[in-house]
C-alpha atoms as a PDB file:
ATOM      1  CA  MET A   1      88.350  56.716 156.694  1.00  0.00           C
ATOM      2  CA  ILE A   2      87.748  60.410 157.388  1.00  0.00           C
ATOM      3  CA  PHE A   3      90.251  63.298 156.412  1.00  0.00           C
ATOM      4  CA  GLY A   4      89.529  66.839 157.934  1.00  0.00           C
ATOM      5  CA  ALA A   5      90.492  70.311 158.586  1.00  0.00           C
ATOM      6  CA  LEU A   6      89.662  73.712 158.066  1.00  0.00           C
ATOM      7  CA  GLY A   7      88.595  74.586 154.202  1.00  0.00           C
ATOM      8  CA  MET A   8      86.843  72.633 151.599  1.00  0.00           C
ATOM      9  CA  ILE A   9      87.051  68.894 150.381  1.00  0.00           C
ATOM     10  CA  PHE A  10      84.624  67.658 147.875  1.00  0.00           C
ATOM     11  CA  PHE A  11      84.991  64.004 146.358  1.00  0.00           C
ATOM     12  CA  ALA A  12      85.058  63.997 142.418  1.00  0.00           C
ATOM     13  CA  ASP A  13      85.336  60.509 141.104  1.00  0.00           C
ATOM     14  CA  ALA A  14      86.634  56.863 141.564  1.00  0.00           C
ATOM     15  CA  VAL A  15      88.316  53.883 139.716  1.00  0.00           C
ATOM     16  CA  SER A  16      88.103  50.471 141.114  1.00  0.00           C
ATOM     17  CA  PHE A  17      90.448  47.802 140.117  1.00  0.00           C
ATOM     18  CA  GLU A  18      89.676  44.013 139.723  1.00  0.00           C
ATOM     19  CA  ASP A  19      90.962  43.074 143.068  1.00  0.00           C
ATOM     20  CA  GLY A  20      88.330  45.620 144.754  1.00  0.00           C
ATOM     21  CA  SER A  21      90.898  48.052 145.415  1.00  0.00           C
ATOM     22  CA  ALA A  22      89.770  51.610 144.290  1.00  0.00           C
ATOM     23  CA  ILE A  23      91.608  55.387 143.983  1.00  0.00           C
ATOM     24  CA  LEU A  24      89.264  58.137 145.219  1.00  0.00           C
ATOM     25  CA  PHE A  25      90.196  61.304 143.606  1.00  0.00           C
ATOM     26  CA  ILE A  26      89.315  64.674 145.927  1.00  0.00           C
ATOM     27  CA  ASN A  27      89.099  68.031 145.354  1.00  0.00           C
ATOM     28  CA  THR A  28      90.741  70.181 148.222  1.00  0.00           C
ATOM     29  CA  SER A  29      91.458  73.624 149.527  1.00  0.00           C
ATOM     30  CA  MET A  30      92.741  72.851 153.139  1.00  0.00           C
ATOM     31  CA  LYS A  31      95.238  74.238 155.650  1.00  0.00           C
ATOM     32  CA  GLY A  32      96.719  72.036 158.062  1.00  0.00           C
ATOM     33  CA  GLY A  33      95.000  68.816 159.364  1.00  0.00           C
ATOM     34  CA  ASP A  34      95.159  65.618 157.287  1.00  0.00           C
ATOM     35  CA  ILE A  35      95.628  67.011 153.971  1.00  0.00           C
ATOM     36  CA  ASP A  36      97.874  70.323 154.047  1.00  0.00           C
ATOM     37  CA  SER A  37      97.457  71.444 150.823  1.00  0.00           C
ATOM     38  CA  ILE A  38      97.369  75.455 150.682  1.00  0.00           C
ATOM     39  CA  LYS A  39     100.248  75.372 148.132  1.00  0.00           C
ATOM     40  CA  GLY A  40      98.067  77.986 145.745  1.00  0.00           C
ATOM     41  CA  GLY A  41      94.448  77.104 145.262  1.00  0.00           C
ATOM     42  CA  LYS A  42      92.383  73.931 145.214  1.00  0.00           C
ATOM     43  CA  ASP A  43      94.677  70.614 144.585  1.00  0.00           C
ATOM     44  CA  ILE A  44      93.685  67.364 143.734  1.00  0.00           C
ATOM     45  CA  PHE A  45      94.322  64.654 146.642  1.00  0.00           C
ATOM     46  CA  MET A  46      94.483  60.416 145.594  1.00  0.00           C
ATOM     47  CA  VAL A  47      93.806  58.074 147.836  1.00  0.00           C
ATOM     48  CA  LYS A  48      94.082  54.358 147.457  1.00  0.00           C
ATOM     49  CA  ILE A  49      92.255  52.042 149.504  1.00  0.00           C
ATOM     50  CA  LYS A  50      92.070  48.122 149.726  1.00  0.00           C
ATOM     51  CA  ASN A  51      89.070  46.002 149.113  1.00  0.00           C
ATOM     52  CA  ASP A  52      88.533  45.783 152.698  1.00  0.00           C
ATOM     53  CA  GLY A  53      88.494  49.521 152.763  1.00  0.00           C
ATOM     54  CA  LYS A  54      91.844  50.014 154.736  1.00  0.00           C
ATOM     55  CA  PHE A  55      93.872  53.138 153.872  1.00  0.00           C
ATOM     56  CA  PHE A  56      96.579  51.703 151.257  1.00  0.00           C
ATOM     57  CA  GLY A  57      98.359  55.175 149.936  1.00  0.00           C
ATOM     58  CA  LYS A  58      97.957  58.609 148.871  1.00  0.00           C
ATOM     59  CA  ASN A  59      99.159  61.398 147.074  1.00  0.00           C
ATOM     60  CA  LEU A  60      98.742  65.199 146.758  1.00  0.00           C
ATOM     61  CA  TRP A  61      98.762  66.696 143.293  1.00  0.00           C
ATOM     62  CA  GLU A  62      99.606  70.546 144.507  1.00  0.00           C
ATOM     63  CA  GLU A  63     100.283  72.855 142.057  1.00  0.00           C
ATOM     64  CA  PRO A  64     100.580  77.021 142.385  1.00  0.00           C
ATOM     65  CA  LYS A  65      97.143  77.679 141.192  1.00  0.00           C
ATOM     66  CA  ASP A  66      93.506  76.016 141.063  1.00  0.00           C
ATOM     67  CA  ASP A  67      93.500  72.107 139.811  1.00  0.00           C
ATOM     68  CA  GLU A  68      90.119  70.334 140.226  1.00  0.00           C
ATOM     69  CA  ALA A  69      89.699  66.278 138.785  1.00  0.00           C
ATOM     70  CA  VAL A  70      86.438  65.908 136.770  1.00  0.00           C
ATOM     71  CA  LYS A  71      86.308  62.595 135.750  1.00  0.00           C
ATOM     72  CA  ALA A  72      88.416  59.500 136.110  1.00  0.00           C
ATOM     73  CA  ILE A  73      88.270  55.977 134.174  1.00  0.00           C
ATOM     74  CA  LEU A  74      90.344  53.338 133.129  1.00  0.00           C
ATOM     75  CA  ASP A  75      91.408  52.209 130.028  1.00  0.00           C
ATOM     76  CA  LYS A  76      91.837  48.784 128.884  1.00  0.00           C
ATOM     77  CA  ASP A  77      95.008  48.191 130.155  1.00  0.00           C
ATOM     78  CA  ASN A  78      94.320  49.493 133.647  1.00  0.00           C
ATOM     79  CA  ASN A  79      96.003  52.676 133.080  1.00  0.00           C
ATOM     80  CA  ILE A  80      93.929  55.903 134.838  1.00  0.00           C
ATOM     81  CA  LEU A  81      92.801  58.713 132.548  1.00  0.00           C
ATOM     82  CA  LEU A  82      91.801  61.579 134.765  1.00  0.00           C
ATOM     83  CA  LEU A  83      90.081  64.603 133.140  1.00  0.00           C
ATOM     84  CA  CYS A  84      91.204  67.646 135.178  1.00  0.00           C
ATOM     85  CA  THR A  85      90.703  71.633 134.965  1.00  0.00           C
ATOM     86  CA  SER A  86      94.055  73.347 135.612  1.00  0.00           C
ATOM     87  CA  PHE A  87      95.042  76.942 136.003  1.00  0.00           C
ATOM     88  CA  SER A  88      98.760  75.777 136.703  1.00  0.00           C
ATOM     89  CA  MET A  89     100.900  76.267 134.090  1.00  0.00           C
ATOM     90  CA  THR A  90     103.653  73.496 135.220  1.00  0.00           C
ATOM     91  CA  GLU A  91     104.234  70.524 133.753  1.00  0.00           C
ATOM     92  CA  ILE A  92     103.404  67.507 135.237  1.00  0.00           C
END
């Protein structure tokens, strides 16, 4: 799986599930291409992949200012806890 366009894209962290699937958290600031994320500053792109490595789903967390994923963990109930830095002042 390759994503690309003009701008930056950096892997931040990932969580994996018992079925072998995983969610990757990627910090990005790109215009156009596979991840068109220029709404303000840096954004967080989340992509879920199956245990065979195939793309399953995606979500882009876009806010007006810089938002970056730092660390992701699963709690005992498989809830994702995502530590981020954010300069956006909107409710999520």
